[in-house]
Amino acid sequence: MEFKKPEIEVAVENGDLELVKKLAVGQDIVELDRMHRLLEWAVIYGQKDIAQYLLDGGVDINTVYIDTNVLEAAAGREDDEMIRFLLERGIEIMCTADDRNPASRALANNRLENFKLMLEKEKEILSPEEYDRLIEYYKDCVMSYGYATGIMEFLGVNPNTEKGKAPTKEDRKNLVSYLKTGIQSAARDAAKTYADEEIYIFSIQADDVMSYVTVYVNTEESFKAAMEEDDENPEEDKFYYRYCEDEWDIVEDNKGYFKQAVDYVKKENLYVDDALEWDYMILDALRQIRKEGYMETLFKNPVILTIYMHDHCDGEELIEAFGQINNESVSKEYAEHIEDFF
């Protein structure tokens, strides 16, 4: 059965403020936003009046949807109107050297003016050293995209210069070792953080230039809560909540789990034309962890392992990778329902 968007989400998408107000009568607007991510949709579709209504109604402008606030979505739009509106309303800027930074979305969507605006604002927040590091990060990123020529020129990047060297066999061996150590450290800390819950899955994601690695985690308790909060089609959306990283938590990296891997890539000036190569290094690390039974030393119940590589591969490649690090029963379920979350 085809997934049907809730009426209030469709109203936001269409900019129908009066219908949104009607559907919100007698309900807690903050709770509605939590369930349907209304502010995020309003920003994505450029519905400033609805965003204004939600914020005036008490929705927190700095609400984190998945792993960042709505400024990131605004930065991907064609104009800067929504960015300036959110900044005027006091939204916080995540000045991180990763995809949470709104400048990253502007870069990915090739929005030069938005990219310049965000860096201008971030320069006012960061120290000179921090800002210089951020610029270096974006110089690396823009080379991996290749198409954002205006941003390349703004950053002073020459697309004809050498991008870096391809990883050797020894480089891959070292990176797999560093990734393995980082994943194990993150899993250990997650076991402590979620000691009162049952973790059932971990997913690992690297960006296109291996400048950061993210660990996603979900618990049976959070999965059941998401199902209970789905007023529309909980059973139909079961595998979306089960396997979609966008609905999970992120393991906070306060210890630099993957610093060795990231620093090694930079030090050796490594570059890959296809980011899927980084994912396969993560896969090798997860295969070793699975073979050694490391997760079984931390958790009483079986734990699923996967890689958030959706942007780098097709469904068949994702199923193939998943099957290499999970048992036959789980892999079959994953393959049968991949269209629900991929």
Protein backbone atom coordinates (compact mmCIF):
# COMPACT_ATOMS: atom_id res chain seq x y z
CA MET A 1 0.00 0.00 0.00
CA GLU A 2 1.29 3.43 -0.92
CA PHE A 3 2.39 5.64 1.98
CA LYS A 4 0.01 8.56 2.50
CA LYS A 5 1.26 11.76 4.10
CA PRO A 6 -0.73 13.03 7.08
CA GLU A 7 -3.10 15.86 6.14
CA ILE A 8 -1.31 18.44 8.26
CA GLU A 9 2.02 17.72 6.54
CA VAL A 10 0.39 18.14 3.14
CA ALA A 11 -1.12 21.43 4.32
CA VAL A 12 2.30 22.70 5.35
CA GLU A 13 3.83 21.61 2.05
CA ASN A 14 1.09 23.45 0.12
CA GLY A 15 1.39 26.58 2.25
CA ASP A 16 -2.22 26.32 3.46
CA LEU A 17 -1.91 28.21 6.75
CA GLU A 18 -5.65 28.27 7.43
CA LEU A 19 -5.89 24.49 7.12
CA VAL A 20 -2.87 24.06 9.39
CA LYS A 21 -4.58 26.28 11.98
CA LYS A 22 -7.81 24.31 11.63
CA LEU A 23 -6.08 20.95 12.06
CA ALA A 24 -4.18 22.29 15.08
CA VAL A 25 -7.31 23.43 16.96
CA GLY A 26 -7.43 21.85 20.41
CA GLN A 27 -4.00 20.29 20.04
CA ASP A 28 -0.59 21.09 21.46
CA ILE A 29 1.31 22.70 18.57
CA VAL A 30 4.66 21.71 20.08
CA GLU A 31 3.54 18.07 20.24
CA LEU A 32 2.25 18.27 16.68
CA ASP A 33 5.62 19.55 15.54
CA ARG A 34 7.39 16.77 17.41
CA MET A 35 5.23 14.15 15.70
CA HIS A 36 5.21 15.63 12.18
CA ARG A 37 8.32 17.87 12.03
CA LEU A 38 6.13 20.73 10.82
CA LEU A 39 8.73 23.48 11.20
CA GLU A 40 11.21 21.48 9.15
CA TRP A 41 8.66 20.98 6.35
CA ALA A 42 7.72 24.65 6.44
CA VAL A 43 11.36 25.62 5.97
CA ILE A 44 12.02 23.03 3.26
CA TYR A 45 9.05 24.26 1.22
CA GLY A 46 9.69 27.94 1.93
CA GLN A 47 6.43 28.48 3.83
CA LYS A 48 7.53 31.42 5.98
CA ASP A 49 4.01 32.29 7.20
CA ILE A 50 3.55 28.78 8.54
CA ALA A 51 7.02 28.82 10.12
CA GLN A 52 6.09 32.13 11.76
CA TYR A 53 2.82 30.63 13.06
CA LEU A 54 4.61 27.59 14.51
CA LEU A 55 7.29 29.67 16.22
CA ASP A 56 4.75 32.12 17.61
CA GLY A 57 2.83 29.11 18.91
CA GLY A 58 5.76 27.92 20.97
CA VAL A 59 7.73 25.59 18.71
CA ASP A 60 11.42 25.86 19.59
CA ILE A 61 13.36 27.30 16.66
CA ASN A 62 16.38 25.23 17.71
CA THR A 63 14.52 21.91 17.72
CA VAL A 64 16.91 19.25 16.39
CA TYR A 65 15.39 17.12 13.65
CA ILE A 66 17.59 14.03 13.24
CA ASP A 67 20.91 15.75 14.00
CA THR A 68 20.59 19.48 13.30
CA ASN A 69 18.14 22.37 13.34
CA VAL A 70 16.18 23.79 10.39
CA LEU A 71 18.83 26.32 9.37
CA GLU A 72 20.51 23.48 7.51
CA ALA A 73 17.39 22.93 5.40
CA ALA A 74 17.05 26.66 4.74
CA ALA A 75 20.61 26.84 3.44
CA GLY A 76 19.76 24.41 0.66
CA ARG A 77 17.03 26.61 -0.79
CA GLU A 78 17.49 28.75 -3.92
CA ASP A 79 17.30 32.07 -2.04
CA ASP A 80 18.40 33.35 1.35
CA GLU A 81 15.01 34.65 2.53
CA MET A 82 14.34 31.73 4.89
CA ILE A 83 17.90 31.85 6.25
CA ARG A 84 17.59 35.53 7.11
CA PHE A 85 14.16 34.97 8.67
CA LEU A 86 15.50 32.21 10.93
CA LEU A 87 18.56 34.24 11.88
CA GLU A 88 16.33 37.17 12.81
CA ARG A 89 14.33 34.82 15.01
CA GLY A 90 17.53 33.84 16.85
CA ILE A 91 18.30 30.38 15.50
CA GLU A 92 21.63 28.90 16.56
CA ILE A 93 24.27 28.16 13.91
CA MET A 94 25.97 24.78 14.15
CA CYS A 95 29.53 25.69 13.18
CA THR A 96 30.66 22.07 13.00
CA ALA A 97 32.93 20.67 10.29
CA ASP A 98 30.33 18.15 9.13
CA ASP A 99 26.90 17.86 7.52
CA ARG A 100 25.15 19.48 10.48
CA ASN A 101 26.60 22.83 9.46
CA PRO A 102 24.13 24.73 7.21
CA ALA A 103 27.05 25.76 5.00
CA SER A 104 27.43 22.06 4.14
CA ARG A 105 23.90 21.95 2.73
CA ALA A 106 24.54 25.15 0.77
CA LEU A 107 27.66 23.53 -0.68
CA ALA A 108 25.92 20.25 -1.52
CA ASN A 109 23.11 22.16 -3.28
CA ASN A 110 25.56 24.57 -4.95
CA ARG A 111 24.03 27.67 -3.36
CA LEU A 112 26.95 30.10 -3.49
CA GLU A 113 25.23 33.10 -1.90
CA ASN A 114 23.85 31.01 0.94
CA PHE A 115 27.28 29.43 1.45
CA LYS A 116 28.91 32.88 1.64
CA LEU A 117 26.23 34.14 4.04
CA MET A 118 26.65 31.22 6.41
CA LEU A 119 30.45 31.50 6.46
CA GLU A 120 30.14 35.24 7.08
CA LYS A 121 27.98 34.54 10.15
CA GLU A 122 30.19 31.68 11.34
CA LYS A 123 33.31 33.81 11.09
CA GLU A 124 31.74 36.12 13.68
CA ILE A 125 31.28 33.17 16.04
CA LEU A 126 34.47 31.14 15.61
CA SER A 127 38.00 31.96 16.62
CA PRO A 128 40.41 32.66 13.70
CA GLU A 129 41.95 29.20 14.16
CA GLU A 130 38.57 27.45 14.19
CA TYR A 131 37.42 29.38 11.13
CA ASP A 132 40.60 28.50 9.22
CA ARG A 133 40.05 24.81 10.01
CA LEU A 134 36.47 25.07 8.78
CA ILE A 135 37.60 26.64 5.51
CA GLU A 136 40.12 23.82 5.02
CA TYR A 137 37.34 21.33 5.60
CA TYR A 138 35.19 22.94 2.92
CA LYS A 139 38.11 23.09 0.49
CA ASP A 140 38.36 19.31 0.84
CA CYS A 141 34.60 18.91 0.48
CA VAL A 142 34.19 21.07 -2.60
CA MET A 143 36.79 19.01 -4.46
CA SER A 144 34.79 15.85 -3.78
CA TYR A 145 31.63 17.41 -5.24
CA GLY A 146 33.38 18.74 -8.33
CA TYR A 147 30.40 20.67 -9.72
CA ALA A 148 30.26 23.69 -7.36
CA THR A 149 32.64 25.80 -9.43
CA GLY A 150 31.42 29.11 -7.99
CA ILE A 151 32.11 27.91 -4.46
CA MET A 152 35.47 26.53 -5.59
CA GLU A 153 36.42 29.96 -6.88
CA PHE A 154 35.18 31.64 -3.68
CA LEU A 155 37.33 29.29 -1.58
CA GLY A 156 40.34 29.70 -3.87
CA VAL A 157 40.33 26.06 -4.92
CA ASN A 158 41.75 25.10 -8.30
CA PRO A 159 39.82 22.07 -9.61
CA ASN A 160 42.73 21.19 -11.86
CA THR A 161 45.13 20.62 -8.99
CA GLU A 162 45.83 17.13 -7.72
CA LYS A 163 43.00 15.93 -5.51
CA GLY A 164 45.15 13.55 -3.52
CA LYS A 165 46.42 10.01 -3.83
CA ALA A 166 44.38 6.85 -3.95
CA PRO A 167 44.66 4.71 -0.80
CA THR A 168 47.21 1.90 -1.05
CA LYS A 169 46.70 -1.56 0.40
CA GLU A 170 48.63 -0.46 3.48
CA ASP A 171 46.50 2.70 3.79
CA ARG A 172 43.34 0.61 3.70
CA LYS A 173 44.69 -1.76 6.33
CA ASN A 174 45.53 1.14 8.65
CA LEU A 175 42.18 2.85 8.12
CA VAL A 176 40.21 -0.33 8.75
CA SER A 177 42.12 -0.76 12.00
CA TYR A 178 41.42 2.83 13.09
CA LEU A 179 37.75 2.54 12.11
CA LYS A 180 37.40 -0.71 14.00
CA THR A 181 38.87 0.82 17.16
CA GLY A 182 36.57 3.85 16.85
CA ILE A 183 33.45 1.73 16.37
CA GLN A 184 34.32 -0.43 19.36
CA SER A 185 34.88 2.64 21.56
CA ALA A 186 31.58 4.17 20.46
CA ALA A 187 29.75 0.89 21.14
CA ARG A 188 31.26 0.66 24.63
CA ASP A 189 30.11 4.16 25.50
CA ALA A 190 26.68 3.56 23.99
CA ALA A 191 26.30 0.45 26.15
CA LYS A 192 26.79 2.66 29.22
CA THR A 193 24.60 5.52 27.97
CA TYR A 194 21.72 3.16 27.15
CA ALA A 195 22.26 0.80 30.07
CA ASP A 196 18.54 0.92 30.92
CA GLU A 197 17.43 0.22 27.35
CA GLU A 198 17.97 -2.56 24.82
CA ILE A 199 20.14 -1.50 21.89
CA TYR A 200 19.25 -3.51 18.80
CA ILE A 201 21.17 -1.76 16.00
CA PHE A 202 24.20 0.38 15.15
CA SER A 203 24.90 2.13 11.83
CA ILE A 204 28.12 3.83 10.74
CA GLN A 205 28.34 6.71 8.26
CA ALA A 206 31.35 8.44 6.69
CA ASP A 207 31.14 11.60 4.64
CA ASP A 208 32.45 11.83 1.06
CA VAL A 209 36.00 12.81 2.06
CA MET A 210 36.30 10.85 5.33
CA SER A 211 36.51 14.06 7.34
CA TYR A 212 34.13 12.69 9.97
CA VAL A 213 32.37 9.46 10.91
CA THR A 214 28.98 9.26 12.62
CA VAL A 215 27.57 6.41 14.69
CA TYR A 216 23.79 5.98 14.82
CA VAL A 217 22.05 3.83 17.42
CA ASN A 218 18.50 2.76 18.17
CA THR A 219 16.86 0.85 21.00
CA GLU A 220 13.83 -1.40 21.18
CA GLU A 221 12.23 1.14 23.51
CA SER A 222 12.67 4.02 21.05
CA PHE A 223 11.43 1.85 18.19
CA LYS A 224 8.26 0.91 20.08
CA ALA A 225 7.70 4.55 21.10
CA ALA A 226 7.95 5.69 17.45
CA MET A 227 5.41 3.07 16.45
CA GLU A 228 3.02 4.18 19.20
CA GLU A 229 3.36 7.83 18.18
CA ASP A 230 2.49 7.05 14.55
CA ASP A 231 -1.23 7.78 14.45
CA GLU A 232 -1.56 7.07 10.75
CA ASN A 233 -0.05 3.74 9.65
CA PRO A 234 2.17 2.27 12.39
CA GLU A 235 2.24 -1.26 10.98
CA GLU A 236 2.85 -0.06 7.43
CA ASP A 237 5.74 2.12 8.64
CA LYS A 238 7.21 -0.54 10.93
CA PHE A 239 10.33 -1.22 8.90
CA TYR A 240 10.90 2.46 8.22
CA TYR A 241 11.26 3.04 11.95
CA ARG A 242 13.17 -0.23 12.34
CA TYR A 243 15.88 0.45 9.77
CA CYS A 244 15.91 4.16 8.88
CA GLU A 245 18.81 5.94 10.60
CA ASP A 246 17.06 9.29 10.26
CA GLU A 247 14.77 8.22 13.12
CA TRP A 248 17.55 7.13 15.50
CA ASP A 249 19.94 8.77 17.97
CA ILE A 250 23.54 9.73 17.27
CA VAL A 251 26.26 8.56 19.64
CA GLU A 252 27.84 11.80 20.82
CA ASP A 253 31.53 11.75 19.89
CA ASN A 254 33.07 13.57 22.83
CA LYS A 255 36.21 11.44 22.78
CA GLY A 256 37.21 11.64 19.13
CA TYR A 257 36.42 8.00 18.33
CA PHE A 258 37.54 8.39 14.73
CA LYS A 259 40.23 11.02 15.09
CA GLN A 260 42.96 8.56 14.10
CA ALA A 261 41.16 7.65 10.87
CA VAL A 262 40.31 11.24 9.95
CA ASP A 263 43.80 12.52 10.76
CA TYR A 264 45.38 9.68 8.78
CA VAL A 265 43.37 10.53 5.64
CA LYS A 266 44.41 14.17 5.89
CA LYS A 267 48.05 13.43 6.71
CA GLU A 268 48.42 11.00 3.82
CA ASN A 269 46.36 13.23 1.49
CA LEU A 270 44.06 10.33 0.55
CA TYR A 271 41.29 10.78 -1.98
CA VAL A 272 38.76 8.45 -3.60
CA ASP A 273 36.64 9.19 -6.66
CA ASP A 274 33.82 7.02 -5.30
CA ALA A 275 32.89 7.54 -1.62
CA LEU A 276 31.66 3.95 -1.60
CA GLU A 277 35.32 3.00 -1.06
CA TRP A 278 35.19 4.53 2.43
CA ASP A 279 32.01 2.56 3.10
CA TYR A 280 33.71 -0.69 2.14
CA MET A 281 36.50 0.08 4.61
CA ILE A 282 33.83 0.50 7.28
CA LEU A 283 32.36 -2.80 6.10
CA ASP A 284 35.74 -4.51 6.56
CA ALA A 285 35.95 -3.09 10.09
CA LEU A 286 32.44 -4.32 10.91
CA ARG A 287 33.20 -7.74 9.47
CA GLN A 288 36.17 -8.05 11.83
CA ILE A 289 34.09 -6.87 14.78
CA ARG A 290 31.40 -9.40 13.94
CA LYS A 291 33.90 -12.24 13.42
CA GLU A 292 35.53 -11.55 16.78
CA GLY A 293 32.16 -11.47 18.55
CA TYR A 294 32.88 -8.07 20.06
CA MET A 295 29.25 -6.93 20.31
CA GLU A 296 28.39 -10.08 22.23
CA THR A 297 30.79 -9.00 24.99
CA LEU A 298 28.81 -5.77 25.44
CA PHE A 299 25.19 -6.75 24.86
CA LYS A 300 23.06 -9.68 26.02
CA ASN A 301 20.78 -9.55 22.99
CA PRO A 302 21.82 -9.78 19.32
CA VAL A 303 22.80 -6.44 17.78
CA ILE A 304 22.36 -5.59 14.10
CA LEU A 305 25.21 -3.79 12.32
CA THR A 306 24.82 -1.71 9.17
CA ILE A 307 26.30 1.18 7.20
CA TYR A 308 24.52 4.43 6.32
CA MET A 309 25.71 4.46 2.71
CA HIS A 310 22.43 5.41 0.99
CA ASP A 311 23.96 8.35 -0.87
CA HIS A 312 26.76 6.23 -2.29
CA CYS A 313 25.06 3.08 -3.56
CA ASP A 314 21.90 1.43 -4.84
CA GLY A 315 19.58 -0.90 -2.96
CA GLU A 316 21.25 -4.10 -4.17
CA GLU A 317 24.66 -2.95 -2.96
CA LEU A 318 23.17 -2.00 0.40
CA ILE A 319 21.53 -5.41 0.78
CA GLU A 320 24.79 -7.14 -0.18
CA ALA A 321 26.79 -5.21 2.43
CA PHE A 322 24.15 -5.77 5.11
CA GLY A 323 24.13 -9.51 4.45
CA GLN A 324 27.88 -9.76 5.06
CA ILE A 325 27.60 -8.60 8.68
CA ASN A 326 24.24 -9.94 9.82
CA ASN A 327 22.54 -13.32 10.10
CA GLU A 328 20.38 -14.84 7.40
CA SER A 329 17.03 -14.15 9.09
CA VAL A 330 17.69 -10.44 9.70
CA SER A 331 19.23 -10.02 6.24
CA LYS A 332 16.14 -11.54 4.62
CA GLU A 333 13.84 -9.14 6.49
CA TYR A 334 16.06 -6.20 5.54
CA ALA A 335 16.05 -7.14 1.86
CA GLU A 336 12.31 -7.77 1.71
CA HIS A 337 11.46 -4.37 3.19
CA ILE A 338 14.26 -2.14 1.85
CA GLU A 339 11.82 -0.04 -0.17
CA ASP A 340 10.21 1.06 3.11
CA PHE A 341 13.32 2.92 4.26
CA PHE A 342 15.85 3.25 1.40
